[in-house]
Amino acid sequence: MINLYIFNESSPAAVFGIGTYIRELTAALKGSEINVCVVHLRSEKPDMEMKETDGIQHLHIPLYINRNVTLGWQRQNELYYQNVVYLLQLQIKATNKLVFHLNYLNCKSLADSLKKVFDCKTVLVVHYLDSIMTLLGNISRLRRIISQPNELKNAEEISVKESYSQEKEILQCHAVDKVICLSNHAFDMLHQVYQKEKEKMVVIYNGLTYNPSIMDKQTLRKKYHIPDIPIILFVGRLQEAKGLIYLIKSFRKLRKKIPDCHLLIVGNGNYDTYMHEAKDICMNITFTGLLEKKELCELYQIADVGVIPSFTENCSYVGIEMMMHGLPMLTTTAPGLSEMIEDGINGLQISIKEHSDRMEIDSEVLADKMLYLLEHPEKTKRLGENARKRYEELYSGDVFRKNMLDFYHSLYE
């Protein structure tokens, strides 16, 4: 019997992709032969607490404040993780086939401490890399920064170099037995740029469980008082890496051809930047903020086209959700998205322009492709149908469950 401990942390990332990953992972493992406990680090609960929900244990360990101001953040972090491991020693009774599943790249001291105390296997999932996010996926620029550290041009590049060094340290840490990559591109990039050994990595795509709505598209539109007009849908954080500024520029061009089209923007973040960009077309754009899962799923079914203009993605949950609902998609050629979408087969793609110091999207081309999807309903319908098939083949909850169970068992074969 494998005893699995999945680590989560209270952070903005837990609200987005990592939080979704942990929820889907625990759901996938329910009823399996694996004992599962989610360890919530830096919990907001005042005291340590163990609870069971639907057969899954949840251990909350708060961040006890250290009043010793002479200690730096890194040292305080190390002490916190040492205390976490000490508390786990008191909690863990079944020590056979222990697996610790880490989800954050700032956890080298945690991995080291776990290995020192337990006879265990540790795995790390690379959900994102700060260095890549900062550079909007510009791998060529990253290679220059790390190969020419004495020629860094600004504070951003210095920060990227520091992030890269920290990321490389945990990725090459001997206390981590296996690294889970969420795409083949990530696998290749970690090997080539971070010199991670191929035999210590595995690719396992994200997966989502499908919960169909009981209402059809027209009924849902009536529910939300949405008239029979073309609806473009964006879902994601309101930040530069998601390319939303280019989508708004493109939507402005699209309105010249289809004046009554409407853009739904779901997510939170830096509203001021995007509302300012959209001020002249604000009557045709709705910012919904974060939505509950049920409401979001209904919008996927209401929309005519989903757009993911991201500069960098790994294995996009938004992309999986759109495929799951058969929503025709328009995405960039960001490597993670290119792995999910075949241009002209289960979606359309637009190239990202890479420069030595920036990345950009041609808003004119993006507008033209949105227009094409809206003006060719039969083609668009086929793209959505093929997207749904791709979801069932690679990204469904059942496929994810099988892949993860096989992976955990392989650790002790």
Protein backbone atom coordinates (compact mmCIF):
# COMPACT_ATOMS: atom_id res chain seq x y z
CA MET A 1 0.00 0.00 0.00
CA ILE A 2 1.45 3.35 -1.08
CA ASN A 3 1.14 6.20 1.42
CA LEU A 4 1.05 9.45 -0.53
CA TYR A 5 1.53 12.95 0.90
CA ILE A 6 0.72 15.79 -1.51
CA PHE A 7 2.07 19.21 -0.51
CA ASN A 8 0.09 22.39 -1.08
CA GLU A 9 0.92 25.92 0.04
CA SER A 10 -1.17 29.01 0.69
CA SER A 11 -0.19 31.21 -2.26
CA PRO A 12 -1.73 32.91 -5.32
CA ALA A 13 -0.65 29.92 -7.44
CA ALA A 14 -2.82 27.63 -5.30
CA VAL A 15 -5.88 29.61 -6.42
CA PHE A 16 -5.06 28.91 -10.05
CA GLY A 17 -3.30 26.01 -11.74
CA ILE A 18 -1.69 24.27 -8.76
CA GLY A 19 -4.88 24.36 -6.72
CA THR A 20 -6.77 22.82 -9.66
CA TYR A 21 -4.05 20.19 -10.09
CA ILE A 22 -4.25 19.10 -6.45
CA ARG A 23 -8.06 18.98 -6.50
CA GLU A 24 -8.08 16.89 -9.68
CA LEU A 25 -5.30 14.63 -8.39
CA THR A 26 -7.07 13.88 -5.11
CA ALA A 27 -10.36 13.32 -6.96
CA ALA A 28 -8.61 10.93 -9.36
CA LEU A 29 -7.13 8.92 -6.48
CA LYS A 30 -10.37 8.53 -4.50
CA GLY A 31 -11.28 4.89 -4.09
CA SER A 32 -7.84 3.72 -5.22
CA GLU A 33 -5.45 1.50 -3.27
CA ILE A 34 -3.34 4.58 -2.38
CA ASN A 35 -3.68 6.29 0.99
CA VAL A 36 -3.76 10.05 0.33
CA CYS A 37 -3.05 12.99 2.63
CA VAL A 38 -2.83 16.60 1.44
CA VAL A 39 -0.43 18.64 3.56
CA HIS A 40 -1.41 22.32 3.54
CA LEU A 41 1.70 24.36 4.37
CA ARG A 42 1.50 27.92 5.66
CA SER A 43 -2.14 27.24 6.41
CA GLU A 44 -4.31 30.11 7.58
CA LYS A 45 -5.74 27.92 10.34
CA PRO A 46 -4.49 29.03 13.78
CA ASP A 47 -3.38 25.55 14.88
CA MET A 48 -2.29 22.32 13.28
CA GLU A 49 -5.34 20.33 12.27
CA MET A 50 -6.03 16.94 10.65
CA LYS A 51 -9.38 16.35 8.93
CA GLU A 52 -10.78 13.74 6.55
CA THR A 53 -13.00 14.72 3.61
CA ASP A 54 -14.36 12.12 1.18
CA GLY A 55 -11.69 9.62 2.12
CA ILE A 56 -8.81 12.11 1.75
CA GLN A 57 -6.85 13.27 4.79
CA HIS A 58 -6.01 16.99 5.04
CA LEU A 59 -3.24 18.11 7.39
CA HIS A 60 -3.02 21.87 7.98
CA ILE A 61 0.28 23.25 9.31
CA PRO A 62 0.21 27.02 9.97
CA LEU A 63 3.15 29.36 9.58
CA TYR A 64 4.33 30.09 13.07
CA ILE A 65 5.82 33.59 13.14
CA ASN A 66 9.49 33.75 14.10
CA ARG A 67 10.16 36.92 16.08
CA ASN A 68 13.90 36.69 15.47
CA VAL A 69 14.27 39.50 12.96
CA THR A 70 17.98 38.79 12.55
CA LEU A 71 17.18 35.65 10.54
CA GLY A 72 16.81 36.12 6.81
CA TRP A 73 13.80 34.86 4.85
CA GLN A 74 15.71 31.88 3.47
CA ARG A 75 16.82 30.71 6.91
CA GLN A 76 13.31 31.14 8.34
CA ASN A 77 12.00 29.12 5.41
CA GLU A 78 14.47 26.33 6.15
CA LEU A 79 13.49 26.28 9.83
CA TYR A 80 9.79 26.14 8.93
CA TYR A 81 10.34 23.15 6.66
CA GLN A 82 12.41 21.40 9.34
CA ASN A 83 9.53 21.88 11.77
CA VAL A 84 7.11 20.54 9.15
CA VAL A 85 9.17 17.35 8.82
CA TYR A 86 9.33 16.99 12.61
CA LEU A 87 5.52 17.28 12.81
CA LEU A 88 5.15 14.75 10.01
CA GLN A 89 7.29 12.31 12.01
CA LEU A 90 4.70 12.56 14.78
CA GLN A 91 1.76 12.16 12.39
CA ILE A 92 2.91 9.44 10.01
CA LYS A 93 2.33 5.93 11.36
CA ALA A 94 2.48 3.87 8.14
CA THR A 95 6.01 4.38 6.85
CA ASN A 96 6.10 1.73 4.13
CA LYS A 97 6.11 2.90 0.50
CA LEU A 98 6.09 6.59 1.40
CA VAL A 99 5.75 9.06 -1.48
CA PHE A 100 6.04 12.83 -0.98
CA HIS A 101 4.59 14.82 -3.89
CA LEU A 102 5.92 18.41 -4.11
CA ASN A 103 4.33 21.14 -6.23
CA TYR A 104 6.49 24.23 -5.69
CA LEU A 105 10.04 25.02 -6.76
CA ASN A 106 11.03 26.83 -3.54
CA CYS A 107 11.09 23.57 -1.60
CA LYS A 108 14.68 22.29 -1.80
CA SER A 109 15.16 22.43 1.95
CA LEU A 110 11.87 20.55 2.41
CA ALA A 111 12.96 17.82 -0.01
CA ASP A 112 16.35 17.56 1.72
CA SER A 113 14.75 17.30 5.17
CA LEU A 114 12.24 14.67 4.04
CA LYS A 115 15.00 12.49 2.60
CA LYS A 116 17.11 12.76 5.75
CA VAL A 117 14.28 11.60 8.01
CA PHE A 118 12.18 9.18 5.94
CA ASP A 119 12.82 6.17 3.74
CA CYS A 120 10.76 7.62 0.90
CA LYS A 121 10.37 8.63 -2.72
CA THR A 122 10.00 12.33 -3.55
CA VAL A 123 8.49 13.69 -6.75
CA LEU A 124 8.28 17.26 -7.98
CA VAL A 125 5.83 18.68 -10.53
CA VAL A 126 7.04 21.63 -12.61
CA HIS A 127 3.86 23.68 -13.02
CA TYR A 128 5.68 26.82 -14.13
CA LEU A 129 9.10 28.48 -14.05
CA ASP A 130 9.45 32.07 -12.87
CA SER A 131 12.35 32.72 -15.24
CA ILE A 132 10.30 31.63 -18.26
CA MET A 133 7.21 33.54 -17.11
CA THR A 134 9.18 36.77 -16.64
CA LEU A 135 10.59 36.52 -20.17
CA LEU A 136 7.19 35.61 -21.64
CA GLY A 137 8.56 32.31 -22.88
CA ASN A 138 11.56 33.78 -24.70
CA ILE A 139 13.93 30.80 -24.42
CA SER A 140 16.56 32.38 -26.68
CA ARG A 141 16.82 35.34 -24.36
CA LEU A 142 17.05 33.02 -21.34
CA ARG A 143 19.92 31.15 -22.96
CA ARG A 144 21.75 34.44 -23.53
CA ILE A 145 21.21 35.55 -19.92
CA ILE A 146 22.56 32.34 -18.41
CA SER A 147 25.46 32.03 -20.85
CA GLN A 148 26.57 35.68 -20.52
CA PRO A 149 25.99 36.55 -16.84
CA ASN A 150 28.48 39.44 -16.97
CA GLU A 151 26.55 41.20 -19.74
CA LEU A 152 23.10 41.43 -18.13
CA LYS A 153 21.33 44.58 -19.32
CA ASN A 154 18.88 45.46 -16.53
CA ALA A 155 17.30 44.48 -13.21
CA GLU A 156 14.84 42.15 -14.94
CA GLU A 157 17.63 40.08 -16.45
CA ILE A 158 19.47 39.95 -13.12
CA SER A 159 16.27 38.70 -11.48
CA VAL A 160 15.79 36.10 -14.22
CA LYS A 161 19.35 34.84 -13.70
CA GLU A 162 18.70 34.46 -9.95
CA SER A 163 15.40 32.65 -10.59
CA TYR A 164 17.07 30.31 -13.05
CA SER A 165 19.80 29.44 -10.54
CA GLN A 166 17.25 28.66 -7.82
CA GLU A 167 15.13 26.59 -10.21
CA LYS A 168 18.14 24.64 -11.41
CA GLU A 169 19.18 23.95 -7.83
CA ILE A 170 15.90 22.21 -6.92
CA LEU A 171 15.62 20.45 -10.28
CA GLN A 172 19.08 18.93 -9.87
CA CYS A 173 18.60 18.21 -6.17
CA HIS A 174 19.48 14.60 -5.29
CA ALA A 175 16.61 14.54 -2.80
CA VAL A 176 14.12 14.64 -5.70
CA ASP A 177 13.71 11.18 -7.25
CA LYS A 178 11.43 12.10 -10.16
CA VAL A 179 10.30 15.28 -11.89
CA ILE A 180 6.87 15.33 -13.53
CA CYS A 181 6.71 17.48 -16.67
CA LEU A 182 3.30 18.58 -17.93
CA SER A 183 4.33 18.63 -21.61
CA ASN A 184 6.95 17.16 -23.91
CA HIS A 185 8.21 20.68 -24.54
CA ALA A 186 8.84 21.14 -20.81
CA PHE A 187 10.66 17.79 -20.73
CA ASP A 188 12.98 18.82 -23.57
CA MET A 189 13.52 22.31 -22.19
CA LEU A 190 14.40 21.08 -18.70
CA HIS A 191 16.91 18.67 -20.22
CA GLN A 192 18.49 21.15 -22.62
CA VAL A 193 18.41 24.39 -20.61
CA TYR A 194 18.47 23.09 -17.01
CA GLN A 195 20.59 19.97 -17.69
CA LYS A 196 18.08 17.68 -15.95
CA GLU A 197 18.69 13.97 -16.61
CA LYS A 198 16.06 12.47 -18.92
CA GLU A 199 15.80 9.27 -16.90
CA LYS A 200 14.68 11.26 -13.86
CA MET A 201 11.78 12.92 -15.67
CA VAL A 202 8.40 11.77 -16.93
CA VAL A 203 5.65 13.50 -18.93
CA ILE A 204 2.11 13.31 -17.54
CA TYR A 205 -0.50 15.69 -18.94
CA ASN A 206 -3.02 17.43 -16.70
CA GLY A 207 -6.53 16.02 -16.69
CA LEU A 208 -10.03 17.21 -15.82
CA THR A 209 -13.23 15.41 -14.86
CA TYR A 210 -16.21 16.30 -17.05
CA ASN A 211 -19.45 17.32 -15.34
CA PRO A 212 -22.00 18.07 -18.09
CA SER A 213 -24.57 20.84 -17.71
CA ILE A 214 -28.25 19.97 -17.82
CA MET A 215 -29.05 23.10 -19.86
CA ASP A 216 -28.39 23.74 -23.55
CA LYS A 217 -26.70 26.82 -25.05
CA GLN A 218 -29.86 28.85 -25.71
CA THR A 219 -31.29 28.15 -22.26
CA LEU A 220 -28.02 29.21 -20.66
CA ARG A 221 -27.96 32.43 -22.72
CA LYS A 222 -31.44 33.26 -21.46
CA LYS A 223 -30.31 32.56 -17.90
CA TYR A 224 -27.52 35.16 -18.23
CA HIS A 225 -29.61 37.57 -20.36
CA ILE A 226 -27.20 37.21 -23.29
CA PRO A 227 -28.78 37.95 -26.69
CA ASP A 228 -28.07 36.02 -29.88
CA ILE A 229 -24.76 37.75 -30.65
CA PRO A 230 -21.22 36.38 -31.22
CA ILE A 231 -19.44 35.75 -27.91
CA ILE A 232 -15.64 35.59 -27.58
CA LEU A 233 -14.37 34.11 -24.30
CA PHE A 234 -11.07 34.68 -22.49
CA VAL A 235 -10.31 32.90 -19.20
CA GLY A 236 -7.14 33.52 -17.19
CA ARG A 237 -5.20 35.85 -14.96
CA LEU A 238 -5.12 39.48 -16.03
CA GLN A 239 -1.37 39.70 -16.50
CA GLU A 240 1.11 40.30 -19.30
CA ALA A 241 2.00 36.64 -19.87
CA LYS A 242 -1.59 35.83 -20.81
CA GLY A 243 -1.52 38.20 -23.81
CA LEU A 244 -4.84 39.85 -22.96
CA ILE A 245 -3.72 43.29 -24.13
CA TYR A 246 -3.33 41.91 -27.67
CA LEU A 247 -6.74 40.25 -27.52
CA ILE A 248 -8.39 43.57 -26.61
CA LYS A 249 -6.57 45.32 -29.47
CA SER A 250 -7.69 42.55 -31.84
CA PHE A 251 -11.25 42.66 -30.56
CA ARG A 252 -11.36 46.38 -31.33
CA LYS A 253 -10.49 45.52 -34.95
CA LEU A 254 -13.03 42.68 -35.01
CA ARG A 255 -15.82 45.06 -33.98
CA LYS A 256 -15.33 47.02 -37.20
CA LYS A 257 -16.50 43.90 -39.07
CA ILE A 258 -18.98 42.54 -36.49
CA PRO A 259 -20.20 45.53 -34.41
CA ASP A 260 -22.44 43.53 -32.06
CA CYS A 261 -19.81 40.92 -30.99
CA HIS A 262 -19.01 40.72 -27.28
CA LEU A 263 -15.89 39.77 -25.32
CA LEU A 264 -16.18 38.03 -21.94
CA ILE A 265 -13.05 38.29 -19.77
CA VAL A 266 -13.05 35.85 -16.83
CA GLY A 267 -10.35 36.15 -14.17
CA ASN A 268 -8.77 38.67 -11.84
CA GLY A 269 -5.53 40.59 -11.69
CA ASN A 270 -4.47 44.03 -12.90
CA TYR A 271 -7.88 45.36 -13.96
CA ASP A 272 -6.73 48.98 -14.39
CA THR A 273 -4.37 48.18 -17.28
CA TYR A 274 -6.93 46.26 -19.30
CA MET A 275 -9.94 48.43 -18.52
CA HIS A 276 -7.93 51.46 -19.63
CA GLU A 277 -7.03 49.71 -22.89
CA ALA A 278 -10.70 48.84 -23.45
CA LYS A 279 -12.27 52.15 -22.40
CA ASP A 280 -13.47 53.07 -25.91
CA ILE A 281 -15.16 49.67 -26.43
CA CYS A 282 -16.17 48.98 -22.84
CA MET A 283 -19.83 48.48 -23.76
CA ASN A 284 -18.80 45.40 -25.74
CA ILE A 285 -16.61 43.87 -23.04
CA THR A 286 -17.59 42.27 -19.74
CA PHE A 287 -15.05 41.73 -16.95
CA THR A 288 -16.59 39.04 -14.73
CA GLY A 289 -13.80 38.60 -12.18
CA LEU A 290 -13.22 35.10 -10.78
CA LEU A 291 -16.19 32.76 -11.16
CA GLU A 292 -17.28 29.58 -9.44
CA LYS A 293 -16.61 26.41 -11.41
CA LYS A 294 -20.29 25.86 -12.29
CA GLU A 295 -20.69 29.40 -13.66
CA LEU A 296 -17.47 29.13 -15.66
CA CYS A 297 -18.54 25.83 -17.22
CA GLU A 298 -21.79 27.47 -18.30
CA LEU A 299 -19.90 30.30 -19.99
CA TYR A 300 -17.83 27.75 -21.91
CA GLN A 301 -21.10 26.43 -23.32
CA ILE A 302 -22.49 29.90 -24.03
CA ALA A 303 -19.45 31.17 -25.96
CA ASP A 304 -18.89 30.80 -29.71
CA VAL A 305 -15.08 31.00 -29.67
CA GLY A 306 -12.48 30.64 -26.92
CA VAL A 307 -9.19 32.56 -27.24
CA ILE A 308 -5.94 31.77 -25.38
CA PRO A 309 -3.40 34.45 -26.45
CA SER A 310 -0.77 33.36 -23.91
CA PHE A 311 2.96 33.80 -24.43
CA THR A 312 3.79 30.82 -22.24
CA GLU A 313 1.76 27.81 -21.07
CA ASN A 314 2.67 24.36 -19.85
CA CYS A 315 -0.47 22.22 -19.95
CA SER A 316 -3.26 24.80 -19.85
CA TYR A 317 -6.30 23.93 -17.74
CA VAL A 318 -8.24 26.59 -19.63
CA GLY A 319 -7.31 24.83 -22.86
CA ILE A 320 -8.47 21.50 -21.44
CA GLU A 321 -11.74 23.06 -20.23
CA MET A 322 -12.42 24.54 -23.66
CA MET A 323 -11.71 21.21 -25.35
CA MET A 324 -13.83 19.41 -22.77
CA HIS A 325 -16.83 21.58 -23.70
CA GLY A 326 -16.18 21.34 -27.43
CA LEU A 327 -15.53 25.08 -27.66
CA PRO A 328 -13.69 26.08 -30.86
CA MET A 329 -10.34 27.57 -29.87
CA LEU A 330 -7.86 30.12 -31.15
CA THR A 331 -4.49 29.95 -29.40
CA THR A 332 -0.94 31.15 -29.82
CA THR A 333 1.95 28.87 -30.76
CA ALA A 334 3.28 28.92 -27.19
CA PRO A 335 4.94 25.47 -26.94
CA GLY A 336 2.54 24.03 -24.35
CA LEU A 337 -0.45 25.13 -26.42
CA SER A 338 1.06 23.85 -29.67
CA GLU A 339 1.21 20.43 -28.05
CA MET A 340 -2.51 20.57 -27.28
CA ILE A 341 -3.77 22.22 -30.47
CA GLU A 342 -3.12 21.17 -34.06
CA ASP A 343 -3.68 24.16 -36.31
CA GLY A 344 -6.74 23.56 -38.48
CA ILE A 345 -7.56 20.23 -36.80
CA ASN A 346 -8.86 20.96 -33.30
CA GLY A 347 -8.31 24.72 -33.25
CA LEU A 348 -6.54 27.60 -34.96
CA GLN A 349 -3.19 29.08 -33.98
CA ILE A 350 -1.39 32.38 -34.33
CA SER A 351 2.39 32.72 -34.22
CA ILE A 352 4.23 34.60 -31.50
CA LYS A 353 6.89 37.01 -32.72
CA GLU A 354 10.14 36.61 -30.81
CA HIS A 355 12.56 39.55 -30.58
CA SER A 356 15.83 39.84 -28.70
CA ASP A 357 14.20 41.82 -25.89
CA ARG A 358 10.46 41.14 -26.13
CA MET A 359 7.65 38.93 -27.42
CA GLU A 360 4.57 40.14 -29.29
CA ILE A 361 1.44 39.04 -31.15
CA ASP A 362 0.14 40.49 -34.41
CA SER A 363 -3.27 41.85 -33.37
CA GLU A 364 -4.33 42.19 -37.03
CA VAL A 365 -3.81 38.47 -37.67
CA LEU A 366 -5.50 37.58 -34.40
CA ALA A 367 -8.54 39.66 -35.39
CA ASP A 368 -8.67 38.03 -38.83
CA LYS A 369 -8.64 34.53 -37.34
CA MET A 370 -11.41 35.37 -34.86
CA LEU A 371 -13.43 36.73 -37.79
CA TYR A 372 -12.78 33.53 -39.78
CA LEU A 373 -14.10 31.35 -36.95
CA LEU A 374 -17.24 33.46 -36.58
CA GLU A 375 -17.92 33.52 -40.33
CA HIS A 376 -17.37 29.79 -40.96
CA PRO A 377 -19.71 27.99 -38.54
CA GLU A 378 -19.36 24.53 -40.14
CA LYS A 379 -15.56 24.64 -39.96
CA THR A 380 -15.78 26.01 -36.45
CA LYS A 381 -18.14 23.23 -35.39
CA ARG A 382 -15.70 20.57 -36.65
CA LEU A 383 -12.84 22.18 -34.74
CA GLY A 384 -14.92 22.01 -31.56
CA GLU A 385 -15.85 18.37 -32.16
CA ASN A 386 -12.21 17.44 -32.74
CA ALA A 387 -11.19 19.35 -29.62
CA ARG A 388 -13.65 17.28 -27.60
CA LYS A 389 -12.14 14.07 -29.04
CA ARG A 390 -8.64 15.26 -28.10
CA TYR A 391 -9.85 15.86 -24.54
CA GLU A 392 -11.24 12.33 -24.29
CA GLU A 393 -8.02 10.80 -25.67
CA LEU A 394 -5.46 12.70 -23.61
CA TYR A 395 -6.87 14.98 -20.93
CA SER A 396 -9.91 13.31 -19.35
CA GLY A 397 -10.11 12.52 -15.64
CA ASP A 398 -9.99 8.79 -16.39
CA VAL A 399 -6.80 9.09 -18.43
CA PHE A 400 -5.20 11.27 -15.74
CA ARG A 401 -6.16 8.76 -13.03
CA LYS A 402 -4.59 5.84 -14.90
CA ASN A 403 -1.42 7.78 -15.68
CA MET A 404 -0.91 8.90 -12.08
CA LEU A 405 -1.64 5.47 -10.58
CA ASP A 406 0.82 3.87 -13.00
CA PHE A 407 3.40 6.51 -12.12
CA TYR A 408 3.16 6.10 -8.34
CA HIS A 409 3.39 2.31 -8.60
CA SER A 410 6.40 2.60 -10.90
CA LEU A 411 8.32 4.36 -8.13
CA TYR A 412 8.50 1.10 -6.16
CA GLU A 413 8.92 -1.35 -9.03
